[in-house]
Amino acid sequence: MSIPAQLKYIVLSLLFILAAVNFTRTTLNTLQSSKRLEDLQNEVSVLETEKVGLEQDIAYKKTTDFIEEQARDAINLIKPGEKVYVTSQVLGKSTVSEDAMREPEREKSNPELWVELFF
């Protein structure tokens, strides 16, 4: 082979290697972009589901049932003509625990603890 033929062979080989590297880089970029697109589509799907739930929640909170429930629970309102029954606490049940009613024990000194340990 003559020198111009070898030079031509080397140049073509380098061009082929350069093309292969560029093709590989482009392929990897395409794969990364498709992965990113898939992730974003999944995120959009999750956000749309959340949006539907929030819209349903808003629709419920605009109803008179919700407003009435909040008026009864939060600020203790009643409807006109409604009777309120208040129940007292059941007898025998204490709101204060027995442990809280006991006097706290005094802390023992070291000699007392040693006597208690051995005897």
Protein backbone atom coordinates (compact mmCIF):
# COMPACT_ATOMS: atom_id res chain seq x y z
CA MET A 1 0.00 0.00 0.00
CA SER A 2 1.25 3.43 -0.84
CA ILE A 3 1.43 6.27 1.68
CA PRO A 4 -1.54 8.19 0.20
CA ALA A 5 -3.63 5.00 0.41
CA GLN A 6 -2.61 4.47 4.05
CA LEU A 7 -3.35 8.10 4.85
CA LYS A 8 -6.72 7.77 3.19
CA TYR A 9 -7.38 4.58 5.20
CA ILE A 10 -6.40 6.30 8.50
CA VAL A 11 -8.51 9.39 7.78
CA LEU A 12 -11.55 7.27 6.87
CA SER A 13 -11.07 5.16 10.02
CA LEU A 14 -10.89 8.30 12.19
CA LEU A 15 -14.01 9.69 10.52
CA PHE A 16 -15.81 6.39 11.10
CA ILE A 17 -14.79 6.37 14.80
CA LEU A 18 -15.87 10.01 15.15
CA ALA A 19 -19.24 9.21 13.54
CA ALA A 20 -19.70 6.19 15.86
CA VAL A 21 -18.94 8.30 18.95
CA ASN A 22 -21.36 11.03 17.86
CA PHE A 23 -24.04 8.45 17.06
CA THR A 24 -23.59 6.85 20.50
CA ARG A 25 -23.77 10.23 22.24
CA THR A 26 -26.92 11.15 20.32
CA THR A 27 -28.52 7.80 21.17
CA LEU A 28 -27.75 8.26 24.88
CA ASN A 29 -29.20 11.78 24.83
CA THR A 30 -32.34 10.46 23.15
CA LEU A 31 -32.70 7.71 25.79
CA GLN A 32 -32.25 10.22 28.62
CA SER A 33 -34.80 12.54 27.06
CA SER A 34 -37.34 9.74 26.69
CA LYS A 35 -36.78 8.73 30.34
CA ARG A 36 -37.26 12.34 31.44
CA LEU A 37 -40.41 12.59 29.30
CA GLU A 38 -41.80 9.41 30.88
CA ASP A 39 -41.07 10.75 34.38
CA LEU A 40 -42.79 14.03 33.58
CA GLN A 41 -45.82 12.23 32.14
CA ASN A 42 -46.08 10.19 35.35
CA GLU A 43 -45.84 13.36 37.41
CA VAL A 44 -48.55 15.00 35.29
CA SER A 45 -50.76 11.96 35.82
CA VAL A 46 -50.28 12.13 39.60
CA LEU A 47 -50.96 15.87 39.63
CA GLU A 48 -54.12 15.43 37.54
CA THR A 49 -55.37 12.80 39.99
CA GLU A 50 -54.64 15.16 42.88
CA LYS A 51 -56.40 17.98 41.02
CA VAL A 52 -59.54 15.86 40.57
CA GLY A 53 -59.51 15.03 44.29
CA LEU A 54 -59.12 18.69 45.22
CA GLU A 55 -61.91 19.73 42.85
CA GLN A 56 -64.21 17.15 44.47
CA ASP A 57 -63.21 18.45 47.89
CA ILE A 58 -63.97 22.03 46.82
CA ALA A 59 -67.31 20.96 45.36
CA TYR A 60 -68.23 19.23 48.65
CA LYS A 61 -67.16 22.23 50.71
CA LYS A 62 -69.43 24.48 48.64
CA THR A 63 -72.50 22.37 49.52
CA THR A 64 -74.92 23.34 52.25
CA ASP A 65 -74.35 19.99 53.96
CA PHE A 66 -70.71 20.86 54.62
CA ILE A 67 -71.54 24.37 55.77
CA GLU A 68 -74.20 23.01 58.14
CA GLU A 69 -71.79 20.38 59.47
CA GLN A 70 -69.12 22.99 60.14
CA ALA A 71 -71.63 25.30 61.83
CA ARG A 72 -72.69 22.47 64.13
CA ASP A 73 -69.21 21.12 64.89
CA ALA A 74 -66.99 24.19 64.91
CA ILE A 75 -69.19 26.90 66.38
CA ASN A 76 -71.99 24.84 67.98
CA LEU A 77 -74.89 26.41 66.10
CA ILE A 78 -78.31 24.77 65.87
CA LYS A 79 -81.19 25.04 63.43
CA PRO A 80 -84.28 27.02 64.45
CA GLY A 81 -86.71 24.77 66.33
CA GLU A 82 -84.06 22.17 67.09
CA LYS A 83 -83.57 20.93 70.66
CA VAL A 84 -80.14 20.41 72.14
CA TYR A 85 -79.56 17.57 74.57
CA VAL A 86 -76.54 17.82 76.83
CA THR A 87 -75.43 14.63 78.53
CA SER A 88 -73.53 14.74 81.77
CA GLN A 89 -70.55 12.62 82.61
CA VAL A 90 -71.27 9.04 83.64
CA LEU A 91 -71.09 8.58 87.42
CA GLY A 92 -68.15 6.63 88.71
CA LYS A 93 -65.75 7.70 86.01
CA SER A 94 -63.09 10.07 87.18
CA THR A 95 -61.41 12.54 84.90
CA VAL A 96 -58.34 12.70 87.15
CA SER A 97 -56.20 9.59 87.19
CA GLU A 98 -55.39 7.88 90.48
CA ASP A 99 -51.66 8.33 89.88
CA ALA A 100 -52.08 12.09 89.79
CA MET A 101 -53.93 12.07 93.12
CA ARG A 102 -51.18 10.21 94.98
CA GLU A 103 -48.54 12.17 96.81
CA PRO A 104 -45.13 11.97 95.21
CA GLU A 105 -42.71 9.77 97.14
CA ARG A 106 -39.69 11.47 98.60
CA GLU A 107 -36.35 10.49 97.18
CA LYS A 108 -34.40 8.11 99.42
CA SER A 109 -30.86 8.87 100.52
CA ASN A 110 -27.92 6.61 99.67
CA PRO A 111 -27.66 4.97 103.12
CA GLU A 112 -31.38 4.14 103.01
CA LEU A 113 -30.95 2.59 99.58
CA TRP A 114 -28.00 0.45 100.81
CA VAL A 115 -29.98 -0.75 103.84
CA GLU A 116 -32.91 -1.59 101.57
CA LEU A 117 -30.61 -3.47 99.19
CA PHE A 118 -29.01 -5.70 101.82
CA PHE A 119 -31.92 -6.21 104.22
